[in-house]
Protein backbone atom coordinates (compact mmCIF):
# COMPACT_ATOMS: atom_id res chain seq x y z
CA ARG A 1 77.90 53.76 104.51
CA LYS A 2 75.53 55.67 104.19
CA LEU A 3 75.88 59.86 102.67
CA PHE A 4 73.25 62.02 102.63
CA ALA A 5 73.43 65.69 101.24
CA ILE A 6 71.49 69.50 101.06
CA PRO A 7 70.95 71.59 97.61
CA GLY A 8 73.07 74.75 97.57
CA ASN A 9 72.45 77.46 95.72
CA HIS A 10 74.22 76.25 92.73
CA ASP A 11 71.86 72.90 92.71
CA TRP A 12 69.25 75.13 92.77
CA TYR A 13 70.24 76.27 89.00
CA ASP A 14 68.71 73.57 87.18
CA GLY A 15 65.37 72.91 89.39
CA LEU A 16 67.66 70.08 91.17
CA ALA A 17 67.51 67.99 88.62
CA ALA A 18 70.87 66.90 88.90
CA PHE A 19 71.20 66.50 92.50
CA ASP A 20 67.94 64.74 92.31
CA SER A 21 69.62 62.18 90.11
CA LEU A 22 72.21 62.06 91.90
CA PHE A 23 71.51 62.02 95.40
CA CYS A 24 68.00 61.48 95.34
CA SER A 25 67.26 58.70 93.18
CA SER A 26 66.81 55.64 96.05
CA ARG A 27 63.31 56.81 95.93
CA ASP A 28 63.02 55.22 92.63
CA ARG A 29 61.22 51.96 92.57
CA LEU A 30 63.40 49.87 90.14
CA SER A 31 65.85 51.26 92.43
CA LYS A 32 64.69 49.11 94.93
CA SER A 33 64.76 51.43 97.70
CA LYS A 34 69.03 51.42 96.81
CA GLY A 35 70.49 54.95 95.40
CA ASN A 36 73.59 55.33 93.62
CA ALA A 37 77.08 54.80 95.40
CA ILE A 38 79.49 57.55 95.72
CA GLY A 39 82.89 55.93 96.96
CA GLY A 40 82.05 53.61 99.44
CA TRP A 41 79.21 55.74 100.53
CA GLN A 42 75.57 54.48 99.55
CA CYS A 43 73.06 57.52 98.35
CA GLN A 44 69.99 57.03 101.00
CA GLN A 45 67.84 60.15 101.03
CA HIS A 46 64.11 60.55 98.92
CA ARG A 47 63.59 64.30 98.72
CA SER A 48 66.20 67.32 98.83
CA TYR A 49 66.10 67.28 103.05
CA TRP A 50 66.43 64.19 106.08
CA ALA A 51 66.02 64.13 109.70
CA LEU A 52 68.47 60.97 111.00
CA ARG A 53 68.17 60.17 114.63
CA LEU A 54 71.23 59.45 116.12
CA PRO A 55 72.79 57.87 119.06
CA TYR A 56 72.27 59.44 122.50
CA ASN A 57 69.49 61.31 121.72
CA TRP A 58 70.60 63.51 118.77
CA TRP A 59 69.51 64.63 115.58
CA ILE A 60 71.00 65.41 112.65
CA TRP A 61 68.50 67.85 110.03
CA GLY A 62 69.40 68.64 106.39
CA CYS A 63 66.93 71.51 105.32
CA ASP A 64 66.66 72.34 102.04
CA ILE A 65 66.28 76.52 102.01
CA GLN A 66 65.46 76.46 98.67
CA PHE A 67 67.07 80.20 97.69
CA SER A 68 65.41 81.29 100.52
CA GLN A 69 62.46 82.06 99.43
CA TYR A 70 60.16 79.51 101.89
CA LEU A 71 59.99 75.97 103.17
CA ASP A 72 57.68 74.06 101.09
CA LEU A 73 54.50 72.30 102.78
CA ALA A 74 55.74 69.06 102.20
CA GLN A 75 58.67 69.48 104.39
CA VAL A 76 57.12 71.67 107.09
CA ASN A 77 54.92 68.80 107.21
CA TYR A 78 58.13 66.29 107.34
CA PHE A 79 59.60 68.05 109.89
CA ALA A 80 57.06 68.68 112.24
CA GLN A 81 56.05 64.60 112.21
CA ILE A 82 59.60 64.29 112.87
CA ALA A 83 59.66 66.57 115.55
CA GLU A 84 56.82 64.48 117.32
CA HIS A 85 58.81 62.20 118.02
CA MET A 86 61.57 64.42 120.42
CA GLY A 87 61.49 65.73 123.71
CA PRO A 88 63.11 67.81 125.96
CA ASP A 89 65.71 65.55 126.28
CA ASP A 90 67.08 65.51 122.40
CA LYS A 91 69.16 66.98 121.12
CA VAL A 92 69.49 68.88 117.22
CA ILE A 93 72.41 69.80 114.81
CA LEU A 94 70.65 71.35 111.44
CA CYS A 95 72.33 71.95 108.67
CA ILE A 96 71.56 74.03 105.81
CA ALA A 97 73.00 75.44 102.72
CA GLU A 98 73.72 79.13 103.80
CA PRO A 99 74.03 81.01 107.04
CA SER A 100 70.68 82.07 107.31
CA TRP A 101 70.71 83.24 110.85
CA LEU A 102 73.39 86.14 109.40
CA ILE A 103 71.46 86.73 105.98
CA ALA A 104 67.97 87.37 108.10
CA ASP A 105 69.81 90.36 110.58
CA LEU A 106 71.20 91.52 107.40
CA HIS A 107 67.97 92.39 105.73
CA GLY A 108 65.99 92.63 108.89
CA GLU A 109 63.89 89.54 107.73
CA ASP A 110 60.80 88.13 110.15
CA GLU A 111 60.69 85.08 112.15
CA GLU A 112 58.39 83.66 109.24
CA GLN A 113 62.12 82.80 107.14
CA ASN A 114 63.33 79.87 106.84
CA PHE A 115 65.53 79.28 109.37
CA PHE A 116 63.13 80.99 111.98
CA LYS A 117 60.73 78.41 110.93
CA ILE A 118 62.80 75.17 111.10
CA THR A 119 64.01 76.04 114.49
CA ALA A 120 60.66 76.86 115.67
CA LEU A 121 60.13 73.15 114.31
CA ALA A 122 62.77 71.13 115.67
CA ARG A 123 61.92 72.99 119.17
CA SER A 124 58.28 72.43 119.42
CA ARG A 125 58.54 69.34 121.47
CA GLY A 126 61.63 70.55 124.01
CA ALA A 127 63.76 69.65 121.82
CA ARG A 128 67.54 71.90 121.82
CA VAL A 129 68.73 73.53 119.13
CA CYS A 130 72.84 73.10 119.84
CA ALA A 131 74.53 73.93 116.62
CA VAL A 132 73.74 74.65 112.93
CA ILE A 133 75.92 73.97 110.31
CA ALA A 134 76.06 75.77 106.97
CA GLY A 135 78.40 76.65 103.63
CA ALA A 136 77.90 78.93 101.09
CA TRP A 137 80.05 81.51 102.74
CA HIS A 138 83.85 80.33 101.08
CA HIS A 139 85.27 80.28 104.55
CA TYR A 140 85.28 78.85 107.94
CA ASN A 141 83.75 80.83 110.82
CA ARG A 142 82.32 80.00 113.86
CA TYR A 143 79.80 81.70 116.06
CA TYR A 144 78.66 81.04 120.07
CA GLN A 145 75.04 82.36 121.10
CA PRO A 146 75.56 81.83 124.73
CA GLU A 147 71.90 83.38 125.83
CA LEU A 148 70.75 80.46 122.97
CA ASP A 149 73.45 78.00 124.06
CA VAL A 150 73.92 77.11 120.23
CA HIS A 151 76.78 77.18 118.04
CA PHE A 152 76.46 78.91 114.35
CA LEU A 153 79.19 76.92 111.73
CA THR A 154 79.57 78.04 108.38
CA ALA A 155 82.27 76.10 106.41
CA GLY A 156 82.40 76.73 102.69
CA GLY A 157 85.23 74.73 101.64
CA GLY A 158 86.88 77.38 99.86
CA GLY A 159 84.39 77.53 97.17
CA ALA A 160 85.91 78.60 93.96
CA PHE A 161 88.31 80.76 95.37
CA LEU A 162 89.68 81.29 99.05
CA HIS A 163 88.36 84.09 100.63
CA PRO A 164 90.24 85.29 104.21
CA THR A 165 89.00 85.15 107.40
CA HIS A 166 88.82 88.44 108.68
């Protein structure tokens, strides 16, 4: 079984050193492409972001939003290359560290910000973004945007404290 992870805000406090050591160790040539094992799960990723092709034309993308500042060029190029293998029958689930759609709305950010850029890359060849899953906020919430036919989920898992869901 394979394990893939995306960094959250606490992972960036040390410049991803601990995250890379734990989850991205398979990129080390001495590991022979075998990353760390956590329980019965094998870490397979080489970077802090990834894309997986799933059965029945589904994809899951793990994006590294890097403190919401920018998507670096390597990540943009990676997802643009992945999108070239997609078409109108493909469906995408995005995993991001925080609910950027709410943060962008609250702060009036424009479409060049991370969330909008990554969804534009996913849709560039006709694929449909069906769901966005985020953490960071310490509660569970589900939103549905009928005009876009997209489900937005925040699942922070309780975090250090349990926020009420009101």
